Amino acid sequence: MMERRPAGDSGPEHGSVGADRLGHTIKRAEQALISRKSRVLREFGLTVPQYAVLLLLSVSDGMSAAQLARECMVTPQTMATVLTNLDRSGLIERSLSPLHQKVTVNSISDEGRALVARADKAALRVEGGLAAEFTEAELSTFSDLLERAIAKLNSME
């Protein structure tokens, strides 16, 4: 059972979970972006993770599931499902690695390459629409601040 606190007392050890929490605001922004991209990618029969895999394979063909999971920031289990579905749809091809017997290499098919080219235009419109809300200087500052936040979080122990 949770301890009840007086109104306005969020407690020093827990803090608020509202808009004054930076992590909450960042997560809301990420969710809004993913939600919007999900809507536009649905037209192409793709999920955001499927799109991300096809986009990666279109520029760096021949990646393992582990490499793709790291790059797409999903669990290996999620990546296994994504790759199975892309393979069933004929959007990727899978083969054994010539370097490691137990590693499967994933490559984009011609159909996958054509689909991701069209889907990427829709995804870029979403990102462009977001970027259009900022001046060039604001966008540069925003990117710099996000990169600084990423660097700080990655350096914390």
C-alpha atoms as a PDB file:
ATOM      1  CA  MET A   1       0.000   0.000   0.000  1.00  0.00           C
ATOM      2  CA  MET A   2       1.345   3.436  -0.942  1.00  0.00           C
ATOM      3  CA  GLU A   3       1.856   6.032   1.760  1.00  0.00           C
ATOM      4  CA  ARG A   4      -0.503   8.998   1.394  1.00  0.00           C
ATOM      5  CA  ARG A   5       1.113  12.408   1.430  1.00  0.00           C
ATOM      6  CA  PRO A   6      -0.488  15.760   2.096  1.00  0.00           C
ATOM      7  CA  ALA A   7      -1.567  17.681  -1.016  1.00  0.00           C
ATOM      8  CA  GLY A   8       1.379  19.459  -2.584  1.00  0.00           C
ATOM      9  CA  ASP A   9       3.954  17.217  -0.855  1.00  0.00           C
ATOM     10  CA  SER A  10       5.510  14.996  -3.463  1.00  0.00           C
ATOM     11  CA  GLY A  11       8.304  14.017  -1.100  1.00  0.00           C
ATOM     12  CA  PRO A  12      11.983  14.764  -1.633  1.00  0.00           C
ATOM     13  CA  GLU A  13      12.823  11.180  -2.558  1.00  0.00           C
ATOM     14  CA  HIS A  14      10.156  10.828  -5.251  1.00  0.00           C
ATOM     15  CA  GLY A  15       9.472  14.285  -6.659  1.00  0.00           C
ATOM     16  CA  SER A  16       6.684  15.127  -9.036  1.00  0.00           C
ATOM     17  CA  VAL A  17       5.867  13.036 -12.090  1.00  0.00           C
ATOM     18  CA  GLY A  18       4.348  15.959 -13.961  1.00  0.00           C
ATOM     19  CA  ALA A  19       5.517  18.464 -16.516  1.00  0.00           C
ATOM     20  CA  ASP A  20       8.243  19.855 -14.228  1.00  0.00           C
ATOM     21  CA  ARG A  21      10.264  16.635 -14.660  1.00  0.00           C
ATOM     22  CA  LEU A  22      12.708  16.874 -17.566  1.00  0.00           C
ATOM     23  CA  GLY A  23      12.663  13.128 -18.213  1.00  0.00           C
ATOM     24  CA  HIS A  24       8.872  13.179 -18.452  1.00  0.00           C
ATOM     25  CA  THR A  25       8.948  16.016 -20.989  1.00  0.00           C
ATOM     26  CA  ILE A  26      11.594  14.267 -23.095  1.00  0.00           C
ATOM     27  CA  LYS A  27       9.569  11.034 -23.042  1.00  0.00           C
ATOM     28  CA  ARG A  28       6.385  12.892 -24.072  1.00  0.00           C
ATOM     29  CA  ALA A  29       8.243  14.462 -27.018  1.00  0.00           C
ATOM     30  CA  GLU A  30       9.608  11.063 -28.064  1.00  0.00           C
ATOM     31  CA  GLN A  31       6.154   9.471 -27.778  1.00  0.00           C
ATOM     32  CA  ALA A  32       4.575  12.235 -29.867  1.00  0.00           C
ATOM     33  CA  LEU A  33       7.209  11.806 -32.598  1.00  0.00           C
ATOM     34  CA  ILE A  34       6.881   8.004 -32.643  1.00  0.00           C
ATOM     35  CA  SER A  35       3.093   8.235 -32.670  1.00  0.00           C
ATOM     36  CA  ARG A  36       3.115  10.601 -35.643  1.00  0.00           C
ATOM     37  CA  LYS A  37       5.649   8.476 -37.536  1.00  0.00           C
ATOM     38  CA  SER A  38       3.586   5.356 -36.772  1.00  0.00           C
ATOM     39  CA  ARG A  39       0.554   6.962 -38.395  1.00  0.00           C
ATOM     40  CA  VAL A  40       2.369   7.885 -41.606  1.00  0.00           C
ATOM     41  CA  LEU A  41       4.240   4.578 -41.843  1.00  0.00           C
ATOM     42  CA  ARG A  42       1.005   2.611 -41.487  1.00  0.00           C
ATOM     43  CA  GLU A  43       0.228   3.673 -45.076  1.00  0.00           C
ATOM     44  CA  PHE A  44       3.232   1.555 -46.130  1.00  0.00           C
ATOM     45  CA  GLY A  45       2.364  -1.386 -43.875  1.00  0.00           C
ATOM     46  CA  LEU A  46       5.363  -0.682 -41.643  1.00  0.00           C
ATOM     47  CA  THR A  47       5.903  -0.157 -37.939  1.00  0.00           C
ATOM     48  CA  VAL A  48       8.548   2.309 -36.733  1.00  0.00           C
ATOM     49  CA  PRO A  49      10.989  -0.512 -35.808  1.00  0.00           C
ATOM     50  CA  GLN A  50      10.480  -2.181 -39.205  1.00  0.00           C
ATOM     51  CA  TYR A  51      11.088   1.141 -40.947  1.00  0.00           C
ATOM     52  CA  ALA A  52      14.231   1.703 -38.847  1.00  0.00           C
ATOM     53  CA  VAL A  53      15.604  -1.724 -39.809  1.00  0.00           C
ATOM     54  CA  LEU A  54      14.912  -1.213 -43.508  1.00  0.00           C
ATOM     55  CA  LEU A  55      16.456   2.259 -43.388  1.00  0.00           C
ATOM     56  CA  LEU A  56      19.602   0.904 -41.700  1.00  0.00           C
ATOM     57  CA  LEU A  57      19.888  -2.005 -44.120  1.00  0.00           C
ATOM     58  CA  SER A  58      19.436   0.354 -47.065  1.00  0.00           C
ATOM     59  CA  VAL A  59      22.662   2.148 -46.129  1.00  0.00           C
ATOM     60  CA  SER A  60      24.568  -0.610 -44.309  1.00  0.00           C
ATOM     61  CA  ASP A  61      23.558  -3.928 -45.810  1.00  0.00           C
ATOM     62  CA  GLY A  62      24.438  -7.217 -44.146  1.00  0.00           C
ATOM     63  CA  MET A  63      23.878  -6.634 -40.430  1.00  0.00           C
ATOM     64  CA  SER A  64      23.245  -9.211 -37.702  1.00  0.00           C
ATOM     65  CA  ALA A  65      20.168  -9.134 -35.496  1.00  0.00           C
ATOM     66  CA  ALA A  66      22.332  -8.056 -32.553  1.00  0.00           C
ATOM     67  CA  GLN A  67      23.772  -5.119 -34.517  1.00  0.00           C
ATOM     68  CA  LEU A  68      20.307  -4.066 -35.654  1.00  0.00           C
ATOM     69  CA  ALA A  69      18.879  -4.324 -32.124  1.00  0.00           C
ATOM     70  CA  ARG A  70      21.647  -2.055 -30.781  1.00  0.00           C
ATOM     71  CA  GLU A  71      21.254   0.491 -33.591  1.00  0.00           C
ATOM     72  CA  CYS A  72      17.442   0.534 -33.333  1.00  0.00           C
ATOM     73  CA  MET A  73      17.545   0.597 -29.522  1.00  0.00           C
ATOM     74  CA  VAL A  74      15.229  -2.390 -29.075  1.00  0.00           C
ATOM     75  CA  THR A  75      15.653  -5.687 -27.256  1.00  0.00           C
ATOM     76  CA  PRO A  76      17.024  -8.708 -29.113  1.00  0.00           C
ATOM     77  CA  GLN A  77      13.622 -10.377 -28.649  1.00  0.00           C
ATOM     78  CA  THR A  78      11.825  -7.456 -30.295  1.00  0.00           C
ATOM     79  CA  MET A  79      14.347  -7.449 -33.139  1.00  0.00           C
ATOM     80  CA  ALA A  80      13.810 -11.183 -33.715  1.00  0.00           C
ATOM     81  CA  THR A  81      10.082 -10.534 -34.194  1.00  0.00           C
ATOM     82  CA  VAL A  82      10.705  -7.530 -36.469  1.00  0.00           C
ATOM     83  CA  LEU A  83      13.105  -9.517 -38.649  1.00  0.00           C
ATOM     84  CA  THR A  84      10.765 -12.508 -38.868  1.00  0.00           C
ATOM     85  CA  ASN A  85       7.938 -10.263 -40.060  1.00  0.00           C
ATOM     86  CA  LEU A  86      10.148  -8.433 -42.579  1.00  0.00           C
ATOM     87  CA  ASP A  87      11.428 -11.761 -43.908  1.00  0.00           C
ATOM     88  CA  ARG A  88       7.892 -13.135 -44.271  1.00  0.00           C
ATOM     89  CA  SER A  89       6.932 -10.007 -46.202  1.00  0.00           C
ATOM     90  CA  GLY A  90       9.884 -10.412 -48.565  1.00  0.00           C
ATOM     91  CA  LEU A  91      11.391  -7.080 -47.497  1.00  0.00           C
ATOM     92  CA  ILE A  92      14.661  -8.603 -46.269  1.00  0.00           C
ATOM     93  CA  GLU A  93      16.750 -11.656 -47.065  1.00  0.00           C
ATOM     94  CA  ARG A  94      18.552 -13.698 -44.445  1.00  0.00           C
ATOM     95  CA  SER A  95      21.642 -15.824 -44.899  1.00  0.00           C
ATOM     96  CA  LEU A  96      24.388 -17.372 -42.809  1.00  0.00           C
ATOM     97  CA  SER A  97      27.415 -15.172 -42.252  1.00  0.00           C
ATOM     98  CA  PRO A  98      30.498 -16.208 -44.199  1.00  0.00           C
ATOM     99  CA  LEU A  99      32.549 -15.241 -41.121  1.00  0.00           C
ATOM    100  CA  HIS A 100      30.533 -16.824 -38.290  1.00  0.00           C
ATOM    101  CA  GLN A 101      28.577 -20.059 -38.715  1.00  0.00           C
ATOM    102  CA  LYS A 102      26.007 -19.218 -36.049  1.00  0.00           C
ATOM    103  CA  VAL A 103      25.293 -15.644 -37.160  1.00  0.00           C
ATOM    104  CA  THR A 104      22.541 -14.760 -39.608  1.00  0.00           C
ATOM    105  CA  VAL A 105      23.154 -11.749 -41.817  1.00  0.00           C
ATOM    106  CA  ASN A 106      20.173  -9.620 -42.820  1.00  0.00           C
ATOM    107  CA  SER A 107      20.070  -7.791 -46.143  1.00  0.00           C
ATOM    108  CA  ILE A 108      17.397  -5.617 -47.680  1.00  0.00           C
ATOM    109  CA  SER A 109      15.582  -7.017 -50.714  1.00  0.00           C
ATOM    110  CA  ASP A 110      14.831  -4.973 -53.829  1.00  0.00           C
ATOM    111  CA  GLU A 111      11.198  -4.784 -52.675  1.00  0.00           C
ATOM    112  CA  GLY A 112      12.318  -3.574 -49.236  1.00  0.00           C
ATOM    113  CA  ARG A 113      14.605  -0.954 -50.755  1.00  0.00           C
ATOM    114  CA  ALA A 114      11.776   0.419 -52.920  1.00  0.00           C
ATOM    115  CA  LEU A 115       9.349   0.457 -49.988  1.00  0.00           C
ATOM    116  CA  VAL A 116      11.716   2.182 -47.553  1.00  0.00           C
ATOM    117  CA  ALA A 117      12.538   4.839 -50.149  1.00  0.00           C
ATOM    118  CA  ARG A 118       8.840   5.770 -50.308  1.00  0.00           C
ATOM    119  CA  ALA A 119       8.283   5.427 -46.552  1.00  0.00           C
ATOM    120  CA  ASP A 120      11.341   7.550 -45.771  1.00  0.00           C
ATOM    121  CA  LYS A 121       9.863  10.470 -47.683  1.00  0.00           C
ATOM    122  CA  ALA A 122       6.799  10.331 -45.400  1.00  0.00           C
ATOM    123  CA  ALA A 123       8.948  10.039 -42.263  1.00  0.00           C
ATOM    124  CA  LEU A 124      11.090  12.964 -43.389  1.00  0.00           C
ATOM    125  CA  ARG A 125       7.934  15.068 -43.840  1.00  0.00           C
ATOM    126  CA  VAL A 126       7.117  14.419 -40.158  1.00  0.00           C
ATOM    127  CA  GLU A 127      10.618  15.444 -39.084  1.00  0.00           C
ATOM    128  CA  GLY A 128      10.536  18.425 -41.433  1.00  0.00           C
ATOM    129  CA  GLY A 129       7.199  19.546 -40.024  1.00  0.00           C
ATOM    130  CA  LEU A 130       8.657  19.410 -36.537  1.00  0.00           C
ATOM    131  CA  ALA A 131      11.820  21.240 -37.571  1.00  0.00           C
ATOM    132  CA  ALA A 132       9.701  23.958 -39.236  1.00  0.00           C
ATOM    133  CA  GLU A 133       8.389  24.946 -35.803  1.00  0.00           C
ATOM    134  CA  PHE A 134      11.824  26.327 -34.947  1.00  0.00           C
ATOM    135  CA  THR A 135      14.008  29.017 -36.429  1.00  0.00           C
ATOM    136  CA  GLU A 136      17.354  27.862 -37.798  1.00  0.00           C
ATOM    137  CA  ALA A 137      19.085  29.234 -34.681  1.00  0.00           C
ATOM    138  CA  GLU A 138      16.560  27.555 -32.349  1.00  0.00           C
ATOM    139  CA  LEU A 139      16.934  24.246 -34.153  1.00  0.00           C
ATOM    140  CA  SER A 140      20.711  24.439 -33.890  1.00  0.00           C
ATOM    141  CA  THR A 141      20.486  25.279 -30.176  1.00  0.00           C
ATOM    142  CA  PHE A 142      17.893  22.531 -29.608  1.00  0.00           C
ATOM    143  CA  SER A 143      20.131  19.949 -31.285  1.00  0.00           C
ATOM    144  CA  ASP A 144      23.168  21.150 -29.335  1.00  0.00           C
ATOM    145  CA  LEU A 145      21.255  20.948 -26.046  1.00  0.00           C
ATOM    146  CA  LEU A 146      19.987  17.444 -26.805  1.00  0.00           C
ATOM    147  CA  GLU A 147      23.510  16.293 -27.741  1.00  0.00           C
ATOM    148  CA  ARG A 148      24.830  17.814 -24.505  1.00  0.00           C
ATOM    149  CA  ALA A 149      22.123  15.991 -22.532  1.00  0.00           C
ATOM    150  CA  ILE A 150      22.988  12.703 -24.261  1.00  0.00           C
ATOM    151  CA  ALA A 151      26.697  13.166 -23.560  1.00  0.00           C
ATOM    152  CA  LYS A 152      26.048  13.988 -19.906  1.00  0.00           C
ATOM    153  CA  LEU A 153      23.736  11.022 -19.380  1.00  0.00           C
ATOM    154  CA  ASN A 154      26.199   8.681 -21.101  1.00  0.00           C
ATOM    155  CA  SER A 155      29.069   9.929 -18.897  1.00  0.00           C
ATOM    156  CA  MET A 156      27.217   9.484 -15.583  1.00  0.00           C
ATOM    157  CA  GLU A 157      28.078   6.471 -13.472  1.00  0.00           C
END
